[in-house]
Amino acid sequence: MYETFGAGRQDDDSYGFRLFVPDKGKDPAQYVRGGDCKITEVRVVGDFQNVVDAARQNWDYGGGLVMTEQAQPTQSAHLASPLFPGGA
């Protein structure tokens, strides 16, 4: 499961980012410490932003790609960025 996290090529040959976010509230069997996740938003910024959308500026947090939560079979969650075509 963990090998799919980080930046890289996705199953459909696009590129994107995946971030694992432990959440005791979603899977109490896996996590014995800590509380509920307090993250409200994660954005991905870098020198690729204007490739995804020419109107975006690189390294601009306001124009960063907002990651969205995706459910996982283990009941743990991860965040994924919008995908962009290969070669970006």
PDB file of N, CA and C in Angstrom:
ATOM      1  N   MET A   1       0.809  -1.191   0.000  1.00  0.00           N
ATOM      2  CA  MET A   1       0.000   0.000   0.000  1.00  0.00           C
ATOM      3  C   MET A   1       0.857   1.263   0.000  1.00  0.00           C
ATOM      4  N   TYR A   2       1.885   1.323   0.806  1.00  0.00           N
ATOM      5  CA  TYR A   2       2.679   2.542   0.949  1.00  0.00           C
ATOM      6  C   TYR A   2       3.502   2.872  -0.293  1.00  0.00           C
ATOM      7  N   GLU A   3       3.763   1.904  -1.134  1.00  0.00           N
ATOM      8  CA  GLU A   3       4.577   2.161  -2.321  1.00  0.00           C
ATOM      9  C   GLU A   3       3.876   3.080  -3.326  1.00  0.00           C
ATOM     10  N   THR A   4       2.590   3.301  -3.185  1.00  0.00           N
ATOM     11  CA  THR A   4       1.870   4.181  -4.111  1.00  0.00           C
ATOM     12  C   THR A   4       1.835   5.630  -3.635  1.00  0.00           C
ATOM     13  N   PHE A   5       2.392   5.928  -2.467  1.00  0.00           N
ATOM     14  CA  PHE A   5       2.349   7.287  -1.947  1.00  0.00           C
ATOM     15  C   PHE A   5       3.550   8.093  -2.420  1.00  0.00           C
ATOM     16  N   GLY A   6       3.382   9.405  -2.432  1.00  0.00           N
ATOM     17  CA  GLY A   6       4.426  10.308  -2.893  1.00  0.00           C
ATOM     18  C   GLY A   6       4.087  10.814  -4.282  1.00  0.00           C
ATOM     19  N   ALA A   7       5.075  11.372  -4.938  1.00  0.00           N
ATOM     20  CA  ALA A   7       4.890  11.890  -6.289  1.00  0.00           C
ATOM     21  C   ALA A   7       5.287  10.818  -7.282  1.00  0.00           C
ATOM     22  N   GLY A   8       4.559  10.739  -8.376  1.00  0.00           N
ATOM     23  CA  GLY A   8       4.966   9.791  -9.393  1.00  0.00           C
ATOM     24  C   GLY A   8       3.880   9.431 -10.374  1.00  0.00           C
ATOM     25  N   ARG A   9       4.235   8.485 -11.225  1.00  0.00           N
ATOM     26  CA  ARG A   9       3.329   8.013 -12.272  1.00  0.00           C
ATOM     27  C   ARG A   9       2.226   7.168 -11.652  1.00  0.00           C
ATOM     28  N   GLN A  10       1.011   7.402 -12.112  1.00  0.00           N
ATOM     29  CA  GLN A  10      -0.153   6.674 -11.631  1.00  0.00           C
ATOM     30  C   GLN A  10      -0.462   5.519 -12.582  1.00  0.00           C
ATOM     31  N   ASP A  11      -1.444   4.719 -12.232  1.00  0.00           N
ATOM     32  CA  ASP A  11      -1.797   3.548 -13.035  1.00  0.00           C
ATOM     33  C   ASP A  11      -2.203   3.907 -14.462  1.00  0.00           C
ATOM     34  N   ASP A  12      -2.752   5.098 -14.671  1.00  0.00           N
ATOM     35  CA  ASP A  12      -3.201   5.496 -16.011  1.00  0.00           C
ATOM     36  C   ASP A  12      -2.140   6.286 -16.782  1.00  0.00           C
ATOM     37  N   ASP A  13      -0.871   6.238 -16.332  1.00  0.00           N
ATOM     38  CA  ASP A  13       0.277   6.925 -16.945  1.00  0.00           C
ATOM     39  C   ASP A  13       0.254   8.437 -16.773  1.00  0.00           C
ATOM     40  N   SER A  14      -0.667   8.980 -16.007  1.00  0.00           N
ATOM     41  CA  SER A  14      -0.615  10.393 -15.651  1.00  0.00           C
ATOM     42  C   SER A  14       0.288  10.508 -14.426  1.00  0.00           C
ATOM     43  N   TYR A  15       0.548  11.721 -13.997  1.00  0.00           N
ATOM     44  CA  TYR A  15       1.346  11.948 -12.803  1.00  0.00           C
ATOM     45  C   TYR A  15       0.489  12.598 -11.736  1.00  0.00           C
ATOM     46  N   GLY A  16       0.803  12.335 -10.499  1.00  0.00           N
ATOM     47  CA  GLY A  16       0.057  12.928  -9.405  1.00  0.00           C
ATOM     48  C   GLY A  16       0.790  12.720  -8.093  1.00  0.00           C
ATOM     49  N   PHE A  17       0.164  13.108  -7.009  1.00  0.00           N
ATOM     50  CA  PHE A  17       0.733  13.017  -5.674  1.00  0.00           C
ATOM     51  C   PHE A  17      -0.250  12.293  -4.768  1.00  0.00           C
ATOM     52  N   ARG A  18       0.266  11.440  -3.903  1.00  0.00           N
ATOM     53  CA  ARG A  18      -0.575  10.759  -2.912  1.00  0.00           C
ATOM     54  C   ARG A  18       0.102  10.874  -1.555  1.00  0.00           C
ATOM     55  N   LEU A  19      -0.678  11.196  -0.569  1.00  0.00           N
ATOM     56  CA  LEU A  19      -0.197  11.415   0.783  1.00  0.00           C
ATOM     57  C   LEU A  19      -1.024  10.571   1.738  1.00  0.00           C
ATOM     58  N   PHE A  20      -0.375   9.765   2.573  1.00  0.00           N
ATOM     59  CA  PHE A  20      -1.069   8.946   3.555  1.00  0.00           C
ATOM     60  C   PHE A  20      -1.341   9.788   4.786  1.00  0.00           C
ATOM     61  N   VAL A  21      -2.574   9.741   5.275  1.00  0.00           N
ATOM     62  CA  VAL A  21      -2.967  10.485   6.469  1.00  0.00           C
ATOM     63  C   VAL A  21      -3.571   9.502   7.464  1.00  0.00           C
ATOM     64  N   PRO A  22      -2.820   9.118   8.496  1.00  0.00           N
ATOM     65  CA  PRO A  22      -3.377   8.211   9.506  1.00  0.00           C
ATOM     66  C   PRO A  22      -4.581   8.852  10.184  1.00  0.00           C
ATOM     67  N   ASP A  23      -5.581   8.059  10.454  1.00  0.00           N
ATOM     68  CA  ASP A  23      -6.784   8.581  11.079  1.00  0.00           C
ATOM     69  C   ASP A  23      -7.363   7.525  12.010  1.00  0.00           C
ATOM     70  N   LYS A  24      -7.116   7.695  13.292  1.00  0.00           N
ATOM     71  CA  LYS A  24      -7.591   6.742  14.301  1.00  0.00           C
ATOM     72  C   LYS A  24      -9.110   6.602  14.265  1.00  0.00           C
ATOM     73  N   GLY A  25      -9.805   7.658  13.913  1.00  0.00           N
ATOM     74  CA  GLY A  25     -11.258   7.614  13.831  1.00  0.00           C
ATOM     75  C   GLY A  25     -11.767   6.703  12.724  1.00  0.00           C
ATOM     76  N   LYS A  26     -10.965   6.506  11.676  1.00  0.00           N
ATOM     77  CA  LYS A  26     -11.386   5.652  10.565  1.00  0.00           C
ATOM     78  C   LYS A  26     -10.940   4.209  10.742  1.00  0.00           C
ATOM     79  N   ASP A  27      -9.830   3.992  11.437  1.00  0.00           N
ATOM     80  CA  ASP A  27      -9.333   2.629  11.623  1.00  0.00           C
ATOM     81  C   ASP A  27      -8.646   2.511  12.979  1.00  0.00           C
ATOM     82  N   PRO A  28      -9.426   2.424  14.065  1.00  0.00           N
ATOM     83  CA  PRO A  28      -8.844   2.401  15.410  1.00  0.00           C
ATOM     84  C   PRO A  28      -7.954   1.192  15.662  1.00  0.00           C
ATOM     85  N   ALA A  29      -8.089   0.123  14.899  1.00  0.00           N
ATOM     86  CA  ALA A  29      -7.249  -1.055  15.103  1.00  0.00           C
ATOM     87  C   ALA A  29      -5.801  -0.804  14.700  1.00  0.00           C
ATOM     88  N   GLN A  30      -5.569   0.123  13.793  1.00  0.00           N
ATOM     89  CA  GLN A  30      -4.208   0.372  13.308  1.00  0.00           C
ATOM     90  C   GLN A  30      -3.463   1.419  14.119  1.00  0.00           C
ATOM     91  N   TYR A  31      -4.182   2.292  14.790  1.00  0.00           N
ATOM     92  CA  TYR A  31      -3.541   3.415  15.463  1.00  0.00           C
ATOM     93  C   TYR A  31      -3.952   3.440  16.925  1.00  0.00           C
ATOM     94  N   VAL A  32      -2.976   3.376  17.804  1.00  0.00           N
ATOM     95  CA  VAL A  32      -3.277   3.327  19.228  1.00  0.00           C
ATOM     96  C   VAL A  32      -3.045   4.672  19.918  1.00  0.00           C
ATOM     97  N   ARG A  33      -2.389   5.593  19.252  1.00  0.00           N
ATOM     98  CA  ARG A  33      -2.133   6.915  19.833  1.00  0.00           C
ATOM     99  C   ARG A  33      -2.663   7.992  18.911  1.00  0.00           C
ATOM    100  N   GLY A  34      -2.798   9.157  19.450  1.00  0.00           N
ATOM    101  CA  GLY A  34      -3.231  10.296  18.651  1.00  0.00           C
ATOM    102  C   GLY A  34      -4.736  10.405  18.591  1.00  0.00           C
ATOM    103  N   GLY A  35      -5.177  11.504  18.050  1.00  0.00           N
ATOM    104  CA  GLY A  35      -6.605  11.758  17.949  1.00  0.00           C
ATOM    105  C   GLY A  35      -7.047  11.841  16.509  1.00  0.00           C
ATOM    106  N   ASP A  36      -8.189  12.453  16.317  1.00  0.00           N
ATOM    107  CA  ASP A  36      -8.720  12.622  14.979  1.00  0.00           C
ATOM    108  C   ASP A  36      -7.830  13.559  14.170  1.00  0.00           C
ATOM    109  N   CYS A  37      -7.802  13.341  12.887  1.00  0.00           N
ATOM    110  CA  CYS A  37      -7.024  14.170  11.979  1.00  0.00           C
ATOM    111  C   CYS A  37      -7.585  15.595  11.972  1.00  0.00           C
ATOM    112  N   LYS A  38      -6.719  16.579  12.067  1.00  0.00           N
ATOM    113  CA  LYS A  38      -7.139  17.981  12.093  1.00  0.00           C
ATOM    114  C   LYS A  38      -6.810  18.709  10.780  1.00  0.00           C
ATOM    115  N   ILE A  39      -6.306  17.983   9.793  1.00  0.00           N
ATOM    116  CA  ILE A  39      -5.957  18.603   8.515  1.00  0.00           C
ATOM    117  C   ILE A  39      -7.245  19.018   7.803  1.00  0.00           C
ATOM    118  N   THR A  40      -7.290  20.252   7.336  1.00  0.00           N
ATOM    119  CA  THR A  40      -8.462  20.721   6.601  1.00  0.00           C
ATOM    120  C   THR A  40      -8.189  20.835   5.105  1.00  0.00           C
ATOM    121  N   GLU A  41      -6.929  21.039   4.728  1.00  0.00           N
ATOM    122  CA  GLU A  41      -6.598  21.159   3.308  1.00  0.00           C
ATOM    123  C   GLU A  41      -5.097  20.964   3.122  1.00  0.00           C
ATOM    124  N   VAL A  42      -4.747  20.316   2.022  1.00  0.00           N
ATOM    125  CA  VAL A  42      -3.348  20.175   1.619  1.00  0.00           C
ATOM    126  C   VAL A  42      -3.272  20.574   0.154  1.00  0.00           C
ATOM    127  N   ARG A  43      -2.296  21.402  -0.173  1.00  0.00           N
ATOM    128  CA  ARG A  43      -2.071  21.820  -1.562  1.00  0.00           C
ATOM    129  C   ARG A  43      -0.675  21.395  -1.984  1.00  0.00           C
ATOM    130  N   VAL A  44      -0.551  21.014  -3.244  1.00  0.00           N
ATOM    131  CA  VAL A  44       0.734  20.641  -3.814  1.00  0.00           C
ATOM    132  C   VAL A  44       1.213  21.808  -4.658  1.00  0.00           C
ATOM    133  N   VAL A  45       2.426  22.285  -4.369  1.00  0.00           N
ATOM    134  CA  VAL A  45       2.991  23.400  -5.127  1.00  0.00           C
ATOM    135  C   VAL A  45       4.347  22.986  -5.689  1.00  0.00           C
ATOM    136  N   GLY A  46       4.727  23.599  -6.799  1.00  0.00           N
ATOM    137  CA  GLY A  46       6.021  23.293  -7.395  1.00  0.00           C
ATOM    138  C   GLY A  46       6.178  23.977  -8.734  1.00  0.00           C
ATOM    139  N   ASP A  47       7.180  23.517  -9.476  1.00  0.00           N
ATOM    140  CA  ASP A  47       7.475  24.144 -10.764  1.00  0.00           C
ATOM    141  C   ASP A  47       6.676  23.523 -11.909  1.00  0.00           C
ATOM    142  N   PHE A  48       5.607  22.826 -11.594  1.00  0.00           N
ATOM    143  CA  PHE A  48       4.747  22.177 -12.580  1.00  0.00           C
ATOM    144  C   PHE A  48       3.374  22.843 -12.678  1.00  0.00           C
ATOM    145  N   GLN A  49       3.103  23.802 -11.821  1.00  0.00           N
ATOM    146  CA  GLN A  49       1.752  24.363 -11.736  1.00  0.00           C
ATOM    147  C   GLN A  49       1.302  25.009 -13.045  1.00  0.00           C
ATOM    148  N   ASN A  50       2.216  25.711 -13.737  1.00  0.00           N
ATOM    149  CA  ASN A  50       1.809  26.346 -14.993  1.00  0.00           C
ATOM    150  C   ASN A  50       1.679  25.327 -16.119  1.00  0.00           C
ATOM    151  N   VAL A  51       2.184  24.114 -15.944  1.00  0.00           N
ATOM    152  CA  VAL A  51       1.975  23.056 -16.930  1.00  0.00           C
ATOM    153  C   VAL A  51       0.563  22.502 -16.789  1.00  0.00           C
ATOM    154  N   VAL A  52       0.100  22.371 -15.550  1.00  0.00           N
ATOM    155  CA  VAL A  52      -1.250  21.884 -15.293  1.00  0.00           C
ATOM    156  C   VAL A  52      -2.275  22.896 -15.802  1.00  0.00           C
ATOM    157  N   ASP A  53      -2.000  24.167 -15.563  1.00  0.00           N
ATOM    158  CA  ASP A  53      -2.911  25.238 -15.971  1.00  0.00           C
ATOM    159  C   ASP A  53      -2.058  26.482 -16.224  1.00  0.00           C
ATOM    160  N   ALA A  54      -2.048  26.963 -17.458  1.00  0.00           N
ATOM    161  CA  ALA A  54      -1.192  28.100 -17.837  1.00  0.00           C
ATOM    162  C   ALA A  54      -1.477  29.345 -17.016  1.00  0.00           C
ATOM    163  N   ALA A  55      -2.665  29.449 -16.424  1.00  0.00           N
ATOM    164  CA  ALA A  55      -3.013  30.621 -15.614  1.00  0.00           C
ATOM    165  C   ALA A  55      -2.392  30.570 -14.220  1.00  0.00           C
ATOM    166  N   ARG A  56      -1.876  29.401 -13.813  1.00  0.00           N
ATOM    167  CA  ARG A  56      -1.270  29.269 -12.480  1.00  0.00           C
ATOM    168  C   ARG A  56       0.190  29.714 -12.517  1.00  0.00           C
ATOM    169  N   GLN A  57       0.675  30.201 -11.387  1.00  0.00           N
ATOM    170  CA  GLN A  57       2.083  30.556 -11.250  1.00  0.00           C
ATOM    171  C   GLN A  57       2.782  29.457 -10.460  1.00  0.00           C
ATOM    172  N   ASN A  58       3.980  29.115 -10.881  1.00  0.00           N
ATOM    173  CA  ASN A  58       4.761  28.111 -10.164  1.00  0.00           C
ATOM    174  C   ASN A  58       5.090  28.586  -8.755  1.00  0.00           C
ATOM    175  N   TRP A  59       5.131  27.665  -7.845  1.00  0.00           N
ATOM    176  CA  TRP A  59       5.487  27.882  -6.443  1.00  0.00           C
ATOM    177  C   TRP A  59       4.536  28.838  -5.728  1.00  0.00           C
ATOM    178  N   ASP A  60       3.303  28.949  -6.201  1.00  0.00           N
ATOM    179  CA  ASP A  60       2.309  29.813  -5.585  1.00  0.00           C
ATOM    180  C   ASP A  60       1.320  28.951  -4.810  1.00  0.00           C
ATOM    181  N   TYR A  61       1.300  29.102  -3.487  1.00  0.00           N
ATOM    182  CA  TYR A  61       0.410  28.275  -2.657  1.00  0.00           C
ATOM    183  C   TYR A  61      -1.051  28.480  -3.036  1.00  0.00           C
ATOM    184  N   GLY A  62      -1.458  29.709  -3.293  1.00  0.00           N
ATOM    185  CA  GLY A  62      -2.845  29.986  -3.648  1.00  0.00           C
ATOM    186  C   GLY A  62      -3.291  29.264  -4.908  1.00  0.00           C
ATOM    187  N   GLY A  63      -2.362  29.017  -5.818  1.00  0.00           N
ATOM    188  CA  GLY A  63      -2.677  28.298  -7.052  1.00  0.00           C
ATOM    189  C   GLY A  63      -2.277  26.842  -7.000  1.00  0.00           C
ATOM    190  N   GLY A  64      -1.950  26.366  -5.807  1.00  0.00           N
ATOM    191  CA  GLY A  64      -1.540  24.968  -5.653  1.00  0.00           C
ATOM    192  C   GLY A  64      -2.677  24.002  -5.928  1.00  0.00           C
ATOM    193  N   LEU A  65      -2.315  22.775  -6.263  1.00  0.00           N
ATOM    194  CA  LEU A  65      -3.304  21.740  -6.533  1.00  0.00           C
ATOM    195  C   LEU A  65      -3.861  21.245  -5.205  1.00  0.00           C
ATOM    196  N   VAL A  66      -5.149  21.398  -5.014  1.00  0.00           N
ATOM    197  CA  VAL A  66      -5.789  20.980  -3.771  1.00  0.00           C
ATOM    198  C   VAL A  66      -5.966  19.461  -3.804  1.00  0.00           C
ATOM    199  N   MET A  67      -5.459  18.801  -2.779  1.00  0.00           N
ATOM    200  CA  MET A  67      -5.592  17.356  -2.682  1.00  0.00           C
ATOM    201  C   MET A  67      -6.962  17.011  -2.108  1.00  0.00           C
ATOM    202  N   THR A  68      -7.533  15.907  -2.566  1.00  0.00           N
ATOM    203  CA  THR A  68      -8.847  15.473  -2.095  1.00  0.00           C
ATOM    204  C   THR A  68      -8.719  14.113  -1.414  1.00  0.00           C
ATOM    205  N   GLU A  69      -9.575  13.872  -0.453  1.00  0.00           N
ATOM    206  CA  GLU A  69      -9.545  12.607   0.275  1.00  0.00           C
ATOM    207  C   GLU A  69     -10.153  11.498  -0.563  1.00  0.00           C
ATOM    208  N   GLN A  70      -9.509  10.339  -0.521  1.00  0.00           N
ATOM    209  CA  GLN A  70     -10.020   9.155  -1.198  1.00  0.00           C
ATOM    210  C   GLN A  70     -10.013   8.005  -0.211  1.00  0.00           C
ATOM    211  N   ALA A  71     -11.129   7.325  -0.105  1.00  0.00           N
ATOM    212  CA  ALA A  71     -11.242   6.191   0.821  1.00  0.00           C
ATOM    213  C   ALA A  71     -10.351   5.043   0.352  1.00  0.00           C
ATOM    214  N   GLN A  72      -9.877   4.262   1.313  1.00  0.00           N
ATOM    215  CA  GLN A  72      -9.024   3.110   1.029  1.00  0.00           C
ATOM    216  C   GLN A  72      -9.670   1.853   1.599  1.00  0.00           C
ATOM    217  N   PRO A  73      -9.332   0.693   1.059  1.00  0.00           N
ATOM    218  CA  PRO A  73      -9.924  -0.559   1.550  1.00  0.00           C
ATOM    219  C   PRO A  73      -9.677  -0.819   3.032  1.00  0.00           C
ATOM    220  N   THR A  74      -8.576  -0.311   3.569  1.00  0.00           N
ATOM    221  CA  THR A  74      -8.245  -0.541   4.970  1.00  0.00           C
ATOM    222  C   THR A  74      -8.986   0.404   5.898  1.00  0.00           C
ATOM    223  N   GLN A  75      -9.827   1.263   5.333  1.00  0.00           N
ATOM    224  CA  GLN A  75     -10.551   2.292   6.069  1.00  0.00           C
ATOM    225  C   GLN A  75      -9.661   3.461   6.456  1.00  0.00           C
ATOM    226  N   SER A  76      -8.389   3.405   6.149  1.00  0.00           N
ATOM    227  CA  SER A  76      -7.534   4.566   6.331  1.00  0.00           C
ATOM    228  C   SER A  76      -7.724   5.455   5.113  1.00  0.00           C
ATOM    229  N   ALA A  77      -7.407   6.703   5.227  1.00  0.00           N
ATOM    230  CA  ALA A  77      -7.608   7.619   4.110  1.00  0.00           C
ATOM    231  C   ALA A  77      -6.276   8.086   3.563  1.00  0.00           C
ATOM    232  N   HIS A  78      -6.283   8.524   2.338  1.00  0.00           N
ATOM    233  CA  HIS A  78      -5.135   9.244   1.814  1.00  0.00           C
ATOM    234  C   HIS A  78      -5.643  10.388   0.968  1.00  0.00           C
ATOM    235  N   LEU A  79      -4.776  11.336   0.718  1.00  0.00           N
ATOM    236  CA  LEU A  79      -5.114  12.488  -0.101  1.00  0.00           C
ATOM    237  C   LEU A  79      -4.441  12.317  -1.447  1.00  0.00           C
ATOM    238  N   ALA A  80      -5.119  12.696  -2.508  1.00  0.00           N
ATOM    239  CA  ALA A  80      -4.560  12.606  -3.841  1.00  0.00           C
ATOM    240  C   ALA A  80      -4.730  13.945  -4.554  1.00  0.00           C
ATOM    241  N   SER A  81      -3.720  14.305  -5.342  1.00  0.00           N
ATOM    242  CA  SER A  81      -3.814  15.531  -6.114  1.00  0.00           C
ATOM    243  C   SER A  81      -4.584  15.268  -7.389  1.00  0.00           C
ATOM    244  N   PRO A  82      -5.045  16.324  -8.035  1.00  0.00           N
ATOM    245  CA  PRO A  82      -5.562  16.150  -9.384  1.00  0.00           C
ATOM    246  C   PRO A  82      -4.425  15.598 -10.242  1.00  0.00           C
ATOM    247  N   LEU A  83      -4.753  14.772 -11.193  1.00  0.00           N
ATOM    248  CA  LEU A  83      -3.737  14.159 -12.038  1.00  0.00           C
ATOM    249  C   LEU A  83      -3.457  15.052 -13.240  1.00  0.00           C
ATOM    250  N   PHE A  84      -2.242  14.969 -13.751  1.00  0.00           N
ATOM    251  CA  PHE A  84      -1.921  15.708 -14.960  1.00  0.00           C
ATOM    252  C   PHE A  84      -1.194  14.774 -15.907  1.00  0.00           C
ATOM    253  N   PRO A  85      -1.261  15.048 -17.211  1.00  0.00           N
ATOM    254  CA  PRO A  85      -0.750  14.121 -18.222  1.00  0.00           C
ATOM    255  C   PRO A  85       0.724  13.825 -18.078  1.00  0.00           C
ATOM    256  N   GLY A  86       1.129  12.687 -18.626  1.00  0.00           N
ATOM    257  CA  GLY A  86       2.536  12.298 -18.612  1.00  0.00           C
ATOM    258  C   GLY A  86       3.409  13.352 -19.260  1.00  0.00           C
ATOM    259  N   GLY A  87       4.632  13.446 -18.801  1.00  0.00           N
ATOM    260  CA  GLY A  87       5.574  14.396 -19.337  1.00  0.00           C
ATOM    261  C   GLY A  87       5.501  15.771 -18.714  1.00  0.00           C
ATOM    262  N   ALA A  88       4.592  15.963 -17.761  1.00  0.00           N
ATOM    263  CA  ALA A  88       4.453  17.285 -17.133  1.00  0.00           C
ATOM    264  C   ALA A  88       5.567  17.528 -16.151  1.00  0.00           C
TER     265      ALA A  88
END
